Amino acid sequence: VQLQASGGGLVQTGGSLRLSCAASGRSFRTYAMHWFRQAPGQEREFVAAISWTGDRTYYSDSVKGRFTISRDNAENTVYLQMNSLKPEDTAVYYCAARATIRLEAPGGSYPHWGQGTLVTVSS
């Protein structure tokens, strides 16, 4: 599966953005989807995950209550709705796919990555 992330941009503190990750390939519907982010000079970190059916989600503590992950399998797209954005949310955001069983264990390797989309939150 090939992934294309979009929707990043510049937003003020407290604002909102919605990221999209469009996937090609029929196998999209069999993969759990994940969002990661990488801020300048920092390691990539897990943000959110959603099961292949869309009925289970998991979030990092840093975004819980502010971000919402969702997916539309008919459109082969996963979304990340980001509200109440903070300057520390500034990063390049990546979507990733793999056949995850436990969303609560986001470590390990991912066979499919999108190219990243930059989110900048100004203070």
N, C-alpha and C. Protein backbone atom coordinates (compact mmCIF):
# COMPACT_ATOMS: atom_id res chain seq x y z
N VAL A 1 0.84 -1.18 0.00
CA VAL A 1 0.00 0.00 0.00
C VAL A 1 0.89 1.24 0.00
N GLN A 2 0.49 2.24 -0.77
CA GLN A 2 1.20 3.52 -0.82
C GLN A 2 0.37 4.58 -0.11
N LEU A 3 1.05 5.43 0.65
CA LEU A 3 0.37 6.41 1.48
C LEU A 3 0.78 7.82 1.10
N GLN A 4 -0.17 8.74 1.11
CA GLN A 4 0.07 10.14 0.78
C GLN A 4 -0.60 11.01 1.84
N ALA A 5 0.23 11.66 2.67
CA ALA A 5 -0.30 12.52 3.72
C ALA A 5 -0.45 13.95 3.22
N SER A 6 -1.45 14.64 3.74
CA SER A 6 -1.68 16.03 3.36
C SER A 6 -2.45 16.74 4.47
N GLY A 7 -2.57 18.06 4.33
CA GLY A 7 -3.38 18.82 5.27
C GLY A 7 -2.61 19.65 6.27
N GLY A 8 -1.30 19.54 6.25
CA GLY A 8 -0.50 20.34 7.17
C GLY A 8 -0.53 21.81 6.80
N GLY A 9 -0.03 22.63 7.71
CA GLY A 9 0.01 24.07 7.46
C GLY A 9 0.38 24.82 8.71
N LEU A 10 0.18 26.14 8.64
CA LEU A 10 0.49 27.03 9.75
C LEU A 10 -0.81 27.41 10.44
N VAL A 11 -0.83 27.26 11.76
CA VAL A 11 -2.02 27.59 12.53
C VAL A 11 -1.60 28.22 13.85
N GLN A 12 -2.45 29.04 14.40
CA GLN A 12 -2.15 29.68 15.68
C GLN A 12 -2.48 28.73 16.84
N THR A 13 -1.88 29.01 17.97
CA THR A 13 -2.17 28.25 19.18
C THR A 13 -3.67 28.26 19.44
N GLY A 14 -4.20 27.07 19.73
CA GLY A 14 -5.62 26.93 19.97
C GLY A 14 -6.43 26.59 18.73
N GLY A 15 -5.79 26.65 17.59
CA GLY A 15 -6.48 26.39 16.34
C GLY A 15 -6.61 24.90 16.04
N SER A 16 -7.15 24.60 14.86
CA SER A 16 -7.39 23.22 14.45
C SER A 16 -6.89 22.97 13.04
N LEU A 17 -6.55 21.73 12.80
CA LEU A 17 -6.19 21.26 11.47
C LEU A 17 -6.68 19.82 11.33
N ARG A 18 -6.96 19.42 10.12
CA ARG A 18 -7.28 18.02 9.86
C ARG A 18 -6.31 17.48 8.82
N LEU A 19 -5.58 16.47 9.22
CA LEU A 19 -4.67 15.80 8.31
C LEU A 19 -5.38 14.63 7.65
N SER A 20 -4.98 14.35 6.42
CA SER A 20 -5.51 13.21 5.69
C SER A 20 -4.36 12.34 5.23
N CYS A 21 -4.63 11.07 5.12
CA CYS A 21 -3.66 10.13 4.57
C CYS A 21 -4.41 9.24 3.60
N ALA A 22 -4.17 9.44 2.33
CA ALA A 22 -4.84 8.67 1.29
C ALA A 22 -3.99 7.47 0.92
N ALA A 23 -4.63 6.32 0.82
CA ALA A 23 -3.91 5.08 0.54
C ALA A 23 -4.35 4.50 -0.79
N SER A 24 -3.41 3.90 -1.45
CA SER A 24 -3.73 3.17 -2.67
C SER A 24 -3.57 1.68 -2.38
N GLY A 25 -4.36 0.88 -3.04
CA GLY A 25 -4.25 -0.56 -2.84
C GLY A 25 -5.39 -1.11 -2.02
N ARG A 26 -5.85 -2.27 -2.38
CA ARG A 26 -6.99 -2.88 -1.71
C ARG A 26 -6.66 -3.33 -0.30
N SER A 27 -5.39 -3.54 0.00
CA SER A 27 -5.02 -4.05 1.31
C SER A 27 -5.16 -3.01 2.41
N PHE A 28 -5.43 -1.74 2.05
CA PHE A 28 -5.60 -0.70 3.06
C PHE A 28 -6.57 -1.13 4.13
N ARG A 29 -7.65 -1.79 3.73
CA ARG A 29 -8.71 -2.14 4.68
C ARG A 29 -8.29 -3.21 5.66
N THR A 30 -7.15 -3.85 5.43
CA THR A 30 -6.69 -4.88 6.35
C THR A 30 -5.65 -4.37 7.33
N TYR A 31 -5.25 -3.10 7.18
CA TYR A 31 -4.19 -2.55 8.00
C TYR A 31 -4.72 -1.64 9.11
N ALA A 32 -4.12 -1.73 10.27
CA ALA A 32 -4.29 -0.67 11.25
C ALA A 32 -3.49 0.53 10.75
N MET A 33 -4.00 1.72 11.02
CA MET A 33 -3.34 2.94 10.56
C MET A 33 -2.85 3.74 11.76
N HIS A 34 -1.72 4.39 11.56
CA HIS A 34 -1.08 5.11 12.65
C HIS A 34 -0.63 6.48 12.18
N TRP A 35 -0.56 7.40 13.11
CA TRP A 35 0.07 8.69 12.88
C TRP A 35 1.25 8.82 13.84
N PHE A 36 2.34 9.31 13.28
CA PHE A 36 3.53 9.64 14.05
C PHE A 36 3.89 11.09 13.76
N ARG A 37 4.78 11.64 14.56
CA ARG A 37 5.28 12.98 14.27
C ARG A 37 6.74 13.09 14.68
N GLN A 38 7.43 14.00 14.04
CA GLN A 38 8.83 14.22 14.35
C GLN A 38 9.11 15.71 14.35
N ALA A 39 9.44 16.22 15.52
CA ALA A 39 9.78 17.63 15.66
C ALA A 39 11.27 17.81 15.35
N PRO A 40 11.68 19.01 14.99
CA PRO A 40 13.10 19.26 14.68
C PRO A 40 14.01 18.84 15.82
N GLY A 41 15.01 18.04 15.49
CA GLY A 41 15.99 17.61 16.48
C GLY A 41 15.51 16.56 17.44
N GLN A 42 14.32 16.03 17.20
CA GLN A 42 13.78 15.02 18.11
C GLN A 42 13.50 13.73 17.36
N GLU A 43 13.32 12.66 18.13
CA GLU A 43 12.99 11.39 17.52
C GLU A 43 11.52 11.36 17.12
N ARG A 44 11.22 10.48 16.17
CA ARG A 44 9.84 10.30 15.77
C ARG A 44 9.06 9.70 16.93
N GLU A 45 7.86 10.20 17.16
CA GLU A 45 7.03 9.69 18.26
C GLU A 45 5.64 9.32 17.77
N PHE A 46 5.08 8.35 18.44
CA PHE A 46 3.74 7.88 18.14
C PHE A 46 2.71 8.92 18.56
N VAL A 47 1.65 9.06 17.75
CA VAL A 47 0.58 10.02 18.05
C VAL A 47 -0.75 9.30 18.27
N ALA A 48 -1.17 8.49 17.28
CA ALA A 48 -2.48 7.88 17.36
C ALA A 48 -2.54 6.66 16.45
N ALA A 49 -3.47 5.76 16.76
CA ALA A 49 -3.65 4.57 15.94
C ALA A 49 -5.13 4.21 15.88
N ILE A 50 -5.51 3.53 14.81
CA ILE A 50 -6.88 3.09 14.65
C ILE A 50 -6.87 1.70 14.04
N SER A 51 -7.76 0.84 14.51
CA SER A 51 -7.83 -0.53 14.01
C SER A 51 -8.34 -0.55 12.57
N TRP A 52 -8.18 -1.70 11.92
CA TRP A 52 -8.59 -1.76 10.52
C TRP A 52 -10.09 -1.61 10.35
N THR A 53 -10.85 -1.99 11.38
CA THR A 53 -12.31 -1.81 11.32
C THR A 53 -12.74 -0.41 11.72
N GLY A 54 -11.86 0.31 12.38
CA GLY A 54 -12.19 1.65 12.85
C GLY A 54 -12.88 1.70 14.20
N ASP A 55 -13.05 0.55 14.85
CA ASP A 55 -13.80 0.55 16.10
C ASP A 55 -12.92 0.70 17.33
N ARG A 56 -11.62 0.67 17.14
CA ARG A 56 -10.70 0.87 18.26
C ARG A 56 -9.68 1.92 17.91
N THR A 57 -9.38 2.76 18.88
CA THR A 57 -8.38 3.81 18.72
C THR A 57 -7.46 3.85 19.94
N TYR A 58 -6.32 4.47 19.75
CA TYR A 58 -5.36 4.60 20.84
C TYR A 58 -4.55 5.86 20.60
N TYR A 59 -4.28 6.60 21.68
CA TYR A 59 -3.60 7.89 21.56
C TYR A 59 -2.43 7.99 22.54
N SER A 60 -1.47 8.78 22.17
CA SER A 60 -0.43 9.12 23.12
C SER A 60 -1.02 10.07 24.16
N ASP A 61 -0.44 10.08 25.32
CA ASP A 61 -0.95 10.94 26.39
C ASP A 61 -0.89 12.42 26.01
N SER A 62 0.08 12.78 25.18
CA SER A 62 0.27 14.18 24.83
C SER A 62 -0.83 14.74 23.95
N VAL A 63 -1.59 13.89 23.27
CA VAL A 63 -2.63 14.38 22.36
C VAL A 63 -4.02 13.91 22.76
N LYS A 64 -4.11 13.04 23.73
CA LYS A 64 -5.40 12.49 24.14
C LYS A 64 -6.35 13.61 24.56
N GLY A 65 -7.56 13.56 24.03
CA GLY A 65 -8.55 14.58 24.33
C GLY A 65 -8.53 15.77 23.38
N ARG A 66 -7.47 15.87 22.59
CA ARG A 66 -7.35 16.98 21.63
C ARG A 66 -7.38 16.50 20.18
N PHE A 67 -6.82 15.33 19.93
CA PHE A 67 -6.75 14.77 18.59
C PHE A 67 -7.72 13.61 18.46
N THR A 68 -8.24 13.43 17.25
CA THR A 68 -9.12 12.31 16.96
C THR A 68 -8.71 11.65 15.65
N ILE A 69 -8.47 10.36 15.71
CA ILE A 69 -8.14 9.61 14.50
C ILE A 69 -9.40 8.91 14.02
N SER A 70 -9.58 8.88 12.71
CA SER A 70 -10.73 8.20 12.11
C SER A 70 -10.32 7.68 10.74
N ARG A 71 -11.15 6.84 10.18
CA ARG A 71 -10.85 6.32 8.85
C ARG A 71 -12.13 6.08 8.07
N ASP A 72 -11.98 6.14 6.75
CA ASP A 72 -13.06 5.86 5.83
C ASP A 72 -12.54 4.80 4.87
N ASN A 73 -12.89 3.56 5.11
CA ASN A 73 -12.36 2.49 4.28
C ASN A 73 -12.91 2.52 2.87
N ALA A 74 -14.07 3.10 2.69
CA ALA A 74 -14.62 3.23 1.34
C ALA A 74 -13.79 4.20 0.51
N GLU A 75 -13.19 5.19 1.19
CA GLU A 75 -12.37 6.19 0.51
C GLU A 75 -10.88 5.92 0.67
N ASN A 76 -10.53 4.83 1.35
CA ASN A 76 -9.11 4.49 1.57
C ASN A 76 -8.34 5.66 2.20
N THR A 77 -8.95 6.27 3.20
CA THR A 77 -8.35 7.44 3.81
C THR A 77 -8.45 7.37 5.33
N VAL A 78 -7.39 7.82 5.98
CA VAL A 78 -7.40 7.97 7.43
C VAL A 78 -7.19 9.45 7.73
N TYR A 79 -7.81 9.90 8.81
CA TYR A 79 -7.77 11.31 9.17
C TYR A 79 -7.21 11.49 10.58
N LEU A 80 -6.67 12.67 10.80
CA LEU A 80 -6.28 13.06 12.15
C LEU A 80 -6.80 14.49 12.36
N GLN A 81 -7.87 14.59 13.14
CA GLN A 81 -8.42 15.88 13.50
C GLN A 81 -7.67 16.39 14.72
N MET A 82 -7.06 17.54 14.59
CA MET A 82 -6.23 18.10 15.65
C MET A 82 -6.85 19.41 16.14
N ASN A 83 -7.27 19.43 17.36
CA ASN A 83 -7.88 20.61 17.98
C ASN A 83 -7.01 21.12 19.12
N SER A 84 -7.27 22.34 19.53
CA SER A 84 -6.53 22.95 20.65
C SER A 84 -5.03 22.79 20.47
N LEU A 85 -4.57 23.12 19.30
CA LEU A 85 -3.15 22.92 18.98
C LEU A 85 -2.25 23.81 19.82
N LYS A 86 -1.08 23.26 20.13
CA LYS A 86 -0.09 23.94 20.94
C LYS A 86 1.21 24.05 20.14
N PRO A 87 2.07 24.99 20.49
CA PRO A 87 3.36 25.08 19.78
C PRO A 87 4.15 23.77 19.82
N GLU A 88 4.03 23.02 20.89
CA GLU A 88 4.76 21.76 20.98
C GLU A 88 4.21 20.67 20.06
N ASP A 89 3.10 20.94 19.39
CA ASP A 89 2.59 20.02 18.38
C ASP A 89 3.27 20.23 17.03
N THR A 90 4.08 21.27 16.93
CA THR A 90 4.80 21.53 15.69
C THR A 90 5.71 20.38 15.34
N ALA A 91 5.53 19.83 14.14
CA ALA A 91 6.29 18.66 13.72
C ALA A 91 5.90 18.29 12.29
N VAL A 92 6.67 17.39 11.71
CA VAL A 92 6.24 16.73 10.49
C VAL A 92 5.45 15.50 10.91
N TYR A 93 4.26 15.38 10.38
CA TYR A 93 3.36 14.28 10.72
C TYR A 93 3.38 13.24 9.61
N TYR A 94 3.50 11.98 10.02
CA TYR A 94 3.56 10.86 9.09
C TYR A 94 2.45 9.87 9.39
N CYS A 95 1.89 9.31 8.33
CA CYS A 95 0.99 8.19 8.52
C CYS A 95 1.74 6.91 8.18
N ALA A 96 1.31 5.84 8.81
CA ALA A 96 1.98 4.56 8.62
C ALA A 96 0.94 3.44 8.74
N ALA A 97 1.22 2.34 8.06
CA ALA A 97 0.29 1.21 8.05
C ALA A 97 1.02 -0.08 8.38
N ARG A 98 0.35 -0.90 9.15
CA ARG A 98 0.83 -2.26 9.36
C ARG A 98 -0.29 -3.09 9.94
N ALA A 99 -0.09 -4.38 9.94
CA ALA A 99 -1.10 -5.32 10.44
C ALA A 99 -0.96 -5.45 11.95
N THR A 100 -1.34 -4.40 12.66
CA THR A 100 -1.19 -4.34 14.11
C THR A 100 -2.34 -5.06 14.80
N ILE A 101 -1.99 -5.84 15.80
CA ILE A 101 -3.02 -6.47 16.61
C ILE A 101 -3.31 -5.63 17.85
N ARG A 102 -2.23 -5.19 18.52
CA ARG A 102 -2.38 -4.39 19.73
C ARG A 102 -2.02 -2.95 19.42
N LEU A 103 -3.02 -2.10 19.34
CA LEU A 103 -2.77 -0.69 19.07
C LEU A 103 -1.93 -0.07 20.18
N GLU A 104 -2.04 -0.65 21.40
CA GLU A 104 -1.34 -0.09 22.56
C GLU A 104 0.16 -0.39 22.53
N ALA A 105 0.62 -1.10 21.54
CA ALA A 105 2.05 -1.41 21.40
C ALA A 105 2.53 -0.88 20.05
N PRO A 106 2.69 0.45 19.91
CA PRO A 106 3.03 1.03 18.61
C PRO A 106 4.50 0.92 18.23
N GLY A 107 5.33 0.33 19.07
CA GLY A 107 6.73 0.20 18.72
C GLY A 107 6.95 -0.82 17.62
N GLY A 108 8.19 -0.90 17.14
CA GLY A 108 8.53 -1.85 16.10
C GLY A 108 8.53 -1.23 14.72
N SER A 109 8.65 -2.07 13.72
CA SER A 109 8.79 -1.58 12.34
C SER A 109 7.44 -1.50 11.64
N TYR A 110 7.40 -0.61 10.67
CA TYR A 110 6.21 -0.40 9.86
C TYR A 110 6.60 -0.55 8.39
N PRO A 111 5.89 -1.38 7.64
CA PRO A 111 6.27 -1.59 6.25
C PRO A 111 5.87 -0.47 5.30
N HIS A 112 4.93 0.38 5.72
CA HIS A 112 4.40 1.41 4.81
C HIS A 112 4.34 2.76 5.52
N TRP A 113 4.94 3.76 4.87
CA TRP A 113 4.97 5.13 5.41
C TRP A 113 4.55 6.12 4.35
N GLY A 114 3.86 7.17 4.79
CA GLY A 114 3.61 8.30 3.93
C GLY A 114 4.80 9.25 3.96
N GLN A 115 4.77 10.28 3.15
CA GLN A 115 5.93 11.16 3.00
C GLN A 115 6.00 12.26 4.05
N GLY A 116 4.96 12.47 4.83
CA GLY A 116 4.98 13.49 5.88
C GLY A 116 4.36 14.80 5.43
N THR A 117 3.74 15.47 6.38
CA THR A 117 3.16 16.79 6.13
C THR A 117 3.48 17.66 7.34
N LEU A 118 3.92 18.90 7.09
CA LEU A 118 4.42 19.76 8.15
C LEU A 118 3.28 20.54 8.81
N VAL A 119 3.24 20.46 10.12
CA VAL A 119 2.31 21.25 10.93
C VAL A 119 3.12 22.22 11.78
N THR A 120 2.80 23.49 11.66
CA THR A 120 3.48 24.51 12.43
C THR A 120 2.45 25.28 13.25
N VAL A 121 2.64 25.29 14.55
CA VAL A 121 1.72 25.99 15.44
C VAL A 121 2.45 27.19 16.03
N SER A 122 1.96 28.37 15.72
CA SER A 122 2.61 29.59 16.19
C SER A 122 2.04 30.00 17.54
N SER A 123 2.91 30.60 18.35
CA SER A 123 2.48 31.00 19.70
C SER A 123 1.97 32.43 19.70
